[in-house]
């Protein structure tokens, strides 16, 4: 860990992405889902928009001047204007929406299973998939995603583990142990680790969790 930054404790974090000096965060819960652009150093909110109460926000990713935002069980992806966060259109998809990232040419989406689905960044149409495995075992509960350095990083829901995935083969190439970030006295009222954002131009990431009081700037190093 290289730094500790503030995080809104009311945020049920579902998606996290750093673009320049702006952190984009999507949160969940029915009636409380928010998409906001903020200053990662101070937590100051630059812009914010709320989802309608029947939508449960999930993963987000920035694609050029657009933002894609998933919903959990509503089967709807929302395309937004990056500058204003205004909704531009909705696209339907099958199954649940969990995590989302953009690898530069395609979207990568998780649905809580061991499957990653690749999608066209303009139409959101599916364009292939891969099953994630560690050795011969499928790795399920893939949650929030980050595309960085040719790999896909994924939070494993309900755990303190983040896995690095080769998107070509689905093979897990590394496992990061993020346990111990929260001090024992900070655990009350928090939920699971969720949220990982690569810091451009570095080998570091910002990570956090649902209702966590901090963002942590970290570097993953071999044991």
C-alpha atoms as a PDB file:
ATOM      1  CA  UNK A   1       0.000   0.000   0.000  1.00  0.00           C
ATOM      2  CA  UNK A   2       1.408   3.371  -1.025  1.00  0.00           C
ATOM      3  CA  UNK A   3      -1.354   5.797   0.018  1.00  0.00           C
ATOM      4  CA  UNK A   4      -4.762   6.047   1.693  1.00  0.00           C
ATOM      5  CA  UNK A   5      -7.403   8.348   0.199  1.00  0.00           C
ATOM      6  CA  UNK A   6     -10.925   9.282   1.327  1.00  0.00           C
ATOM      7  CA  UNK A   7     -13.988   7.328   0.190  1.00  0.00           C
ATOM      8  CA  UNK A   8     -17.665   8.069   0.738  1.00  0.00           C
ATOM      9  CA  UNK A   9     -18.905   5.559   3.314  1.00  0.00           C
ATOM     10  CA  UNK A  10     -22.390   5.703   1.832  1.00  0.00           C
ATOM     11  CA  UNK A  11     -21.112   4.252  -1.471  1.00  0.00           C
ATOM     12  CA  UNK A  12     -22.139   0.658  -2.248  1.00  0.00           C
ATOM     13  CA  UNK A  13     -19.330   0.521  -4.791  1.00  0.00           C
ATOM     14  CA  UNK A  14     -19.995  -1.470  -7.962  1.00  0.00           C
ATOM     15  CA  UNK A  15     -17.700   0.099 -10.548  1.00  0.00           C
ATOM     16  CA  UNK A  16     -14.518   2.156 -10.329  1.00  0.00           C
ATOM     17  CA  UNK A  17     -12.368   3.665 -13.072  1.00  0.00           C
ATOM     18  CA  UNK A  18      -9.732   6.391 -13.156  1.00  0.00           C
ATOM     19  CA  UNK A  19      -9.564   8.597 -16.257  1.00  0.00           C
ATOM     20  CA  UNK A  20      -6.925  11.315 -16.058  1.00  0.00           C
ATOM     21  CA  UNK A  21      -7.423  12.966 -12.695  1.00  0.00           C
ATOM     22  CA  UNK A  22     -11.104  12.024 -12.473  1.00  0.00           C
ATOM     23  CA  UNK A  23     -12.401   8.944 -10.670  1.00  0.00           C
ATOM     24  CA  UNK A  24     -15.671   7.576 -12.024  1.00  0.00           C
ATOM     25  CA  UNK A  25     -17.632   5.494  -9.523  1.00  0.00           C
ATOM     26  CA  UNK A  26     -20.883   3.605  -9.922  1.00  0.00           C
ATOM     27  CA  UNK A  27     -22.826   2.433  -6.878  1.00  0.00           C
ATOM     28  CA  UNK A  28     -25.702   0.037  -6.319  1.00  0.00           C
ATOM     29  CA  UNK A  29     -28.879  -0.650  -4.289  1.00  0.00           C
ATOM     30  CA  UNK A  30     -32.463  -0.030  -5.353  1.00  0.00           C
ATOM     31  CA  UNK A  31     -33.327   3.612  -4.814  1.00  0.00           C
ATOM     32  CA  UNK A  32     -29.724   4.515  -3.994  1.00  0.00           C
ATOM     33  CA  UNK A  33     -27.723   3.813  -7.164  1.00  0.00           C
ATOM     34  CA  UNK A  34     -25.505   6.714  -8.214  1.00  0.00           C
ATOM     35  CA  UNK A  35     -22.941   7.440 -10.910  1.00  0.00           C
ATOM     36  CA  UNK A  36     -20.471  10.170 -10.016  1.00  0.00           C
ATOM     37  CA  UNK A  37     -17.275  11.791 -11.227  1.00  0.00           C
ATOM     38  CA  UNK A  38     -15.018  12.880  -8.385  1.00  0.00           C
ATOM     39  CA  UNK A  39     -11.586  13.988  -7.293  1.00  0.00           C
ATOM     40  CA  UNK A  40      -9.806  10.875  -5.965  1.00  0.00           C
ATOM     41  CA  UNK A  41      -7.465  12.906  -3.776  1.00  0.00           C
ATOM     42  CA  UNK A  42     -10.199  14.709  -1.830  1.00  0.00           C
ATOM     43  CA  UNK A  43     -13.394  12.809  -2.570  1.00  0.00           C
ATOM     44  CA  UNK A  44     -15.018  16.030  -3.830  1.00  0.00           C
ATOM     45  CA  UNK A  45     -17.850  15.227  -6.257  1.00  0.00           C
ATOM     46  CA  UNK A  46     -17.710  17.069  -9.600  1.00  0.00           C
ATOM     47  CA  UNK A  47     -20.867  15.589 -11.138  1.00  0.00           C
ATOM     48  CA  UNK A  48     -23.459  13.046 -10.059  1.00  0.00           C
ATOM     49  CA  UNK A  49     -26.564  11.395 -11.444  1.00  0.00           C
ATOM     50  CA  UNK A  50     -29.011   9.012  -9.781  1.00  0.00           C
ATOM     51  CA  UNK A  51     -30.604   5.970 -11.347  1.00  0.00           C
ATOM     52  CA  UNK A  52     -34.351   5.547 -11.187  1.00  0.00           C
ATOM     53  CA  UNK A  53     -35.422   3.507  -8.132  1.00  0.00           C
ATOM     54  CA  UNK A  54     -36.229   0.347 -10.093  1.00  0.00           C
ATOM     55  CA  UNK A  55     -32.633   0.075 -11.374  1.00  0.00           C
ATOM     56  CA  UNK A  56     -29.761  -1.418  -9.363  1.00  0.00           C
ATOM     57  CA  UNK A  57     -26.488   0.023 -10.671  1.00  0.00           C
ATOM     58  CA  UNK A  58     -23.538  -2.276 -11.328  1.00  0.00           C
ATOM     59  CA  UNK A  59     -20.212  -2.080 -13.180  1.00  0.00           C
ATOM     60  CA  UNK A  60     -19.136   0.903 -15.285  1.00  0.00           C
ATOM     61  CA  UNK A  61     -16.454   1.667 -17.836  1.00  0.00           C
ATOM     62  CA  UNK A  62     -15.353   4.679 -19.869  1.00  0.00           C
ATOM     63  CA  UNK A  63     -15.093   4.374 -23.660  1.00  0.00           C
ATOM     64  CA  UNK A  64     -13.877   7.620 -25.201  1.00  0.00           C
ATOM     65  CA  UNK A  65     -16.474  10.296 -24.528  1.00  0.00           C
ATOM     66  CA  UNK A  66     -19.019   7.741 -23.316  1.00  0.00           C
ATOM     67  CA  UNK A  67     -19.635   5.706 -20.158  1.00  0.00           C
ATOM     68  CA  UNK A  68     -21.352   2.327 -20.125  1.00  0.00           C
ATOM     69  CA  UNK A  69     -23.181   1.389 -16.924  1.00  0.00           C
ATOM     70  CA  UNK A  70     -24.639  -2.038 -16.139  1.00  0.00           C
ATOM     71  CA  UNK A  71     -27.686  -2.900 -14.078  1.00  0.00           C
ATOM     72  CA  UNK A  72     -27.894  -5.995 -11.912  1.00  0.00           C
ATOM     73  CA  UNK A  73     -31.036  -7.974 -12.776  1.00  0.00           C
ATOM     74  CA  UNK A  74     -32.822  -5.514 -15.032  1.00  0.00           C
ATOM     75  CA  UNK A  75     -31.007  -6.576 -18.227  1.00  0.00           C
ATOM     76  CA  UNK A  76     -30.262  -2.998 -19.247  1.00  0.00           C
ATOM     77  CA  UNK A  77     -26.967  -1.293 -20.070  1.00  0.00           C
ATOM     78  CA  UNK A  78     -27.058   2.502 -20.031  1.00  0.00           C
ATOM     79  CA  UNK A  79     -24.820   4.546 -22.310  1.00  0.00           C
ATOM     80  CA  UNK A  80     -24.005   7.993 -20.901  1.00  0.00           C
ATOM     81  CA  UNK A  81     -22.221  11.144 -21.961  1.00  0.00           C
ATOM     82  CA  UNK A  82     -18.906  11.207 -20.123  1.00  0.00           C
ATOM     83  CA  UNK A  83     -18.843  14.981 -19.661  1.00  0.00           C
ATOM     84  CA  UNK A  84     -22.376  15.402 -18.277  1.00  0.00           C
ATOM     85  CA  UNK A  85     -23.260  11.813 -17.169  1.00  0.00           C
ATOM     86  CA  UNK A  86     -26.553  12.288 -19.040  1.00  0.00           C
ATOM     87  CA  UNK A  87     -28.244   9.123 -20.311  1.00  0.00           C
ATOM     88  CA  UNK A  88     -28.047   8.711 -24.090  1.00  0.00           C
ATOM     89  CA  UNK A  89     -29.668   5.317 -24.668  1.00  0.00           C
ATOM     90  CA  UNK A  90     -30.350   1.899 -23.204  1.00  0.00           C
ATOM     91  CA  UNK A  91     -29.412  -1.498 -24.616  1.00  0.00           C
ATOM     92  CA  UNK A  92     -30.896  -4.804 -23.442  1.00  0.00           C
ATOM     93  CA  UNK A  93     -28.797  -7.862 -22.587  1.00  0.00           C
ATOM     94  CA  UNK A  94     -29.451 -11.354 -21.255  1.00  0.00           C
ATOM     95  CA  UNK A  95     -28.554 -12.416 -17.702  1.00  0.00           C
ATOM     96  CA  UNK A  96     -27.184 -10.412 -14.816  1.00  0.00           C
ATOM     97  CA  UNK A  97     -24.753  -7.502 -14.986  1.00  0.00           C
ATOM     98  CA  UNK A  98     -21.836  -7.389 -12.510  1.00  0.00           C
ATOM     99  CA  UNK A  99     -18.510  -5.944 -13.723  1.00  0.00           C
ATOM    100  CA  UNK A 100     -17.410  -4.137 -16.875  1.00  0.00           C
ATOM    101  CA  UNK A 101     -14.147  -2.838 -18.378  1.00  0.00           C
ATOM    102  CA  UNK A 102     -12.785  -1.730 -21.749  1.00  0.00           C
ATOM    103  CA  UNK A 103      -9.541  -3.198 -23.058  1.00  0.00           C
ATOM    104  CA  UNK A 104      -9.084  -0.603 -25.810  1.00  0.00           C
ATOM    105  CA  UNK A 105     -10.990  -2.485 -28.473  1.00  0.00           C
ATOM    106  CA  UNK A 106     -13.815  -4.368 -26.748  1.00  0.00           C
ATOM    107  CA  UNK A 107     -15.828  -4.455 -23.567  1.00  0.00           C
ATOM    108  CA  UNK A 108     -15.348  -7.257 -21.046  1.00  0.00           C
ATOM    109  CA  UNK A 109     -18.346  -8.076 -18.848  1.00  0.00           C
ATOM    110  CA  UNK A 110     -18.911 -10.385 -15.865  1.00  0.00           C
ATOM    111  CA  UNK A 111     -22.233 -11.782 -14.677  1.00  0.00           C
ATOM    112  CA  UNK A 112     -21.276 -13.424 -11.376  1.00  0.00           C
ATOM    113  CA  UNK A 113     -20.341 -16.729 -12.965  1.00  0.00           C
ATOM    114  CA  UNK A 114     -16.939 -17.924 -14.227  1.00  0.00           C
ATOM    115  CA  UNK A 115     -17.712 -16.463 -17.651  1.00  0.00           C
ATOM    116  CA  UNK A 116     -16.409 -13.239 -19.173  1.00  0.00           C
ATOM    117  CA  UNK A 117     -18.380 -11.958 -22.162  1.00  0.00           C
ATOM    118  CA  UNK A 118     -16.762  -9.744 -24.780  1.00  0.00           C
ATOM    119  CA  UNK A 119     -18.957  -7.010 -26.280  1.00  0.00           C
ATOM    120  CA  UNK A 120     -18.783  -4.420 -29.008  1.00  0.00           C
ATOM    121  CA  UNK A 121     -18.094  -1.026 -27.369  1.00  0.00           C
ATOM    122  CA  UNK A 122     -20.505   0.789 -29.718  1.00  0.00           C
ATOM    123  CA  UNK A 123     -23.453  -1.597 -30.048  1.00  0.00           C
ATOM    124  CA  UNK A 124     -22.948  -3.618 -26.828  1.00  0.00           C
ATOM    125  CA  UNK A 125     -23.576  -6.774 -28.891  1.00  0.00           C
ATOM    126  CA  UNK A 126     -21.850  -9.939 -27.576  1.00  0.00           C
ATOM    127  CA  UNK A 127     -18.735 -10.920 -29.511  1.00  0.00           C
ATOM    128  CA  UNK A 128     -17.458 -14.037 -27.761  1.00  0.00           C
ATOM    129  CA  UNK A 129     -16.755 -15.293 -24.279  1.00  0.00           C
ATOM    130  CA  UNK A 130     -14.201 -17.153 -22.194  1.00  0.00           C
ATOM    131  CA  UNK A 131     -14.444 -19.279 -19.046  1.00  0.00           C
ATOM    132  CA  UNK A 132     -12.042 -18.322 -16.271  1.00  0.00           C
ATOM    133  CA  UNK A 133     -10.061 -21.138 -14.669  1.00  0.00           C
ATOM    134  CA  UNK A 134      -7.302 -21.518 -12.115  1.00  0.00           C
ATOM    135  CA  UNK A 135      -5.546 -24.702 -13.154  1.00  0.00           C
ATOM    136  CA  UNK A 136      -8.525 -27.008 -13.863  1.00  0.00           C
ATOM    137  CA  UNK A 137     -11.095 -25.328 -11.606  1.00  0.00           C
ATOM    138  CA  UNK A 138     -13.568 -22.723 -12.784  1.00  0.00           C
ATOM    139  CA  UNK A 139     -13.330 -19.424 -10.892  1.00  0.00           C
ATOM    140  CA  UNK A 140     -16.827 -18.062 -10.291  1.00  0.00           C
ATOM    141  CA  UNK A 141     -18.249 -14.985  -8.546  1.00  0.00           C
ATOM    142  CA  UNK A 142     -16.279 -12.709 -10.887  1.00  0.00           C
ATOM    143  CA  UNK A 143     -17.389  -9.231  -9.923  1.00  0.00           C
ATOM    144  CA  UNK A 144     -15.941  -5.756 -10.601  1.00  0.00           C
ATOM    145  CA  UNK A 145     -13.441  -5.722 -13.469  1.00  0.00           C
ATOM    146  CA  UNK A 146     -10.487  -3.629 -14.584  1.00  0.00           C
ATOM    147  CA  UNK A 147      -8.728  -3.980 -17.938  1.00  0.00           C
ATOM    148  CA  UNK A 148      -5.054  -3.060 -17.578  1.00  0.00           C
ATOM    149  CA  UNK A 149      -1.787  -4.115 -19.167  1.00  0.00           C
ATOM    150  CA  UNK A 150      -3.390  -6.644 -21.474  1.00  0.00           C
ATOM    151  CA  UNK A 151      -4.991  -8.468 -18.529  1.00  0.00           C
ATOM    152  CA  UNK A 152      -8.376  -8.396 -16.828  1.00  0.00           C
ATOM    153  CA  UNK A 153      -8.337  -7.936 -13.065  1.00  0.00           C
ATOM    154  CA  UNK A 154     -11.421  -9.163 -11.206  1.00  0.00           C
ATOM    155  CA  UNK A 155     -12.686  -8.915  -7.660  1.00  0.00           C
ATOM    156  CA  UNK A 156     -13.962 -12.266  -6.407  1.00  0.00           C
ATOM    157  CA  UNK A 157     -17.258 -11.514  -4.700  1.00  0.00           C
ATOM    158  CA  UNK A 158     -17.320 -12.227  -0.964  1.00  0.00           C
ATOM    159  CA  UNK A 159     -13.543 -12.535  -0.694  1.00  0.00           C
ATOM    160  CA  UNK A 160     -10.456 -10.346  -0.287  1.00  0.00           C
ATOM    161  CA  UNK A 161      -8.942 -11.761  -3.470  1.00  0.00           C
ATOM    162  CA  UNK A 162      -8.374 -10.046  -6.795  1.00  0.00           C
ATOM    163  CA  UNK A 163      -7.365 -12.270  -9.724  1.00  0.00           C
ATOM    164  CA  UNK A 164      -5.443 -11.405 -12.859  1.00  0.00           C
ATOM    165  CA  UNK A 165      -6.865 -13.110 -15.938  1.00  0.00           C
ATOM    166  CA  UNK A 166      -5.441 -13.724 -19.398  1.00  0.00           C
ATOM    167  CA  UNK A 167      -8.466 -12.795 -21.546  1.00  0.00           C
ATOM    168  CA  UNK A 168      -7.299 -14.928 -24.457  1.00  0.00           C
ATOM    169  CA  UNK A 169      -7.301 -18.191 -22.513  1.00  0.00           C
ATOM    170  CA  UNK A 170      -9.310 -17.378 -19.382  1.00  0.00           C
ATOM    171  CA  UNK A 171      -6.386 -18.581 -17.282  1.00  0.00           C
ATOM    172  CA  UNK A 172      -5.784 -16.962 -13.879  1.00  0.00           C
ATOM    173  CA  UNK A 173      -2.167 -15.792 -13.931  1.00  0.00           C
ATOM    174  CA  UNK A 174      -1.954 -14.223 -10.460  1.00  0.00           C
ATOM    175  CA  UNK A 175      -3.958 -13.824  -7.261  1.00  0.00           C
ATOM    176  CA  UNK A 176      -3.657 -10.692  -5.111  1.00  0.00           C
ATOM    177  CA  UNK A 177      -4.496 -10.910  -1.410  1.00  0.00           C
ATOM    178  CA  UNK A 178      -6.097  -7.612  -0.340  1.00  0.00           C
ATOM    179  CA  UNK A 179      -6.948  -8.676   3.196  1.00  0.00           C
ATOM    180  CA  UNK A 180      -5.876  -6.527   6.116  1.00  0.00           C
ATOM    181  CA  UNK A 181      -6.444  -3.157   4.471  1.00  0.00           C
ATOM    182  CA  UNK A 182      -9.231  -2.154   6.831  1.00  0.00           C
ATOM    183  CA  UNK A 183      -8.265  -1.831  10.475  1.00  0.00           C
ATOM    184  CA  UNK A 184     -10.460  -3.934  12.798  1.00  0.00           C
ATOM    185  CA  UNK A 185     -12.162  -0.838  14.206  1.00  0.00           C
ATOM    186  CA  UNK A 186     -13.115   0.245  10.664  1.00  0.00           C
ATOM    187  CA  UNK A 187     -14.877  -2.991   9.757  1.00  0.00           C
ATOM    188  CA  UNK A 188     -18.223  -2.177  11.394  1.00  0.00           C
ATOM    189  CA  UNK A 189     -20.842  -1.278   8.813  1.00  0.00           C
ATOM    190  CA  UNK A 190     -18.689  -2.173   5.807  1.00  0.00           C
ATOM    191  CA  UNK A 191     -19.375  -4.769   3.152  1.00  0.00           C
ATOM    192  CA  UNK A 192     -17.128  -6.721   0.786  1.00  0.00           C
ATOM    193  CA  UNK A 193     -14.033  -5.635  -1.126  1.00  0.00           C
ATOM    194  CA  UNK A 194     -15.181  -4.336  -4.511  1.00  0.00           C
ATOM    195  CA  UNK A 195     -13.702  -1.718  -6.798  1.00  0.00           C
ATOM    196  CA  UNK A 196     -10.404  -1.677  -8.652  1.00  0.00           C
ATOM    197  CA  UNK A 197      -9.099   1.117 -10.863  1.00  0.00           C
ATOM    198  CA  UNK A 198      -5.744   1.114 -12.648  1.00  0.00           C
ATOM    199  CA  UNK A 199      -3.709   4.321 -12.289  1.00  0.00           C
ATOM    200  CA  UNK A 200      -2.601   5.235 -15.831  1.00  0.00           C
ATOM    201  CA  UNK A 201       1.139   5.398 -16.411  1.00  0.00           C
ATOM    202  CA  UNK A 202       1.934   3.346 -13.297  1.00  0.00           C
ATOM    203  CA  UNK A 203       1.779  -0.248 -12.082  1.00  0.00           C
ATOM    204  CA  UNK A 204      -0.511   0.788  -9.221  1.00  0.00           C
ATOM    205  CA  UNK A 205      -4.242   0.574  -8.581  1.00  0.00           C
ATOM    206  CA  UNK A 206      -6.899   2.182  -6.436  1.00  0.00           C
ATOM    207  CA  UNK A 207      -9.010  -0.395  -4.602  1.00  0.00           C
ATOM    208  CA  UNK A 208     -11.896  -0.076  -2.173  1.00  0.00           C
ATOM    209  CA  UNK A 209     -15.025  -1.839  -0.979  1.00  0.00           C
ATOM    210  CA  UNK A 210     -18.724  -1.338  -0.445  1.00  0.00           C
ATOM    211  CA  UNK A 211     -19.282   1.215   2.338  1.00  0.00           C
ATOM    212  CA  UNK A 212     -15.513   1.428   2.946  1.00  0.00           C
ATOM    213  CA  UNK A 213     -14.096   4.656   4.419  1.00  0.00           C
ATOM    214  CA  UNK A 214     -10.987   4.685   2.222  1.00  0.00           C
ATOM    215  CA  UNK A 215      -9.549   4.181  -1.215  1.00  0.00           C
ATOM    216  CA  UNK A 216      -6.182   2.421  -1.075  1.00  0.00           C
ATOM    217  CA  UNK A 217      -3.447   3.063  -3.598  1.00  0.00           C
ATOM    218  CA  UNK A 218      -1.616  -0.237  -3.943  1.00  0.00           C
ATOM    219  CA  UNK A 219       0.979  -2.077  -5.965  1.00  0.00           C
ATOM    220  CA  UNK A 220       0.644  -5.837  -6.320  1.00  0.00           C
ATOM    221  CA  UNK A 221       3.989  -7.527  -5.683  1.00  0.00           C
ATOM    222  CA  UNK A 222       5.009 -11.202  -5.800  1.00  0.00           C
ATOM    223  CA  UNK A 223       5.356 -12.976  -2.488  1.00  0.00           C
END
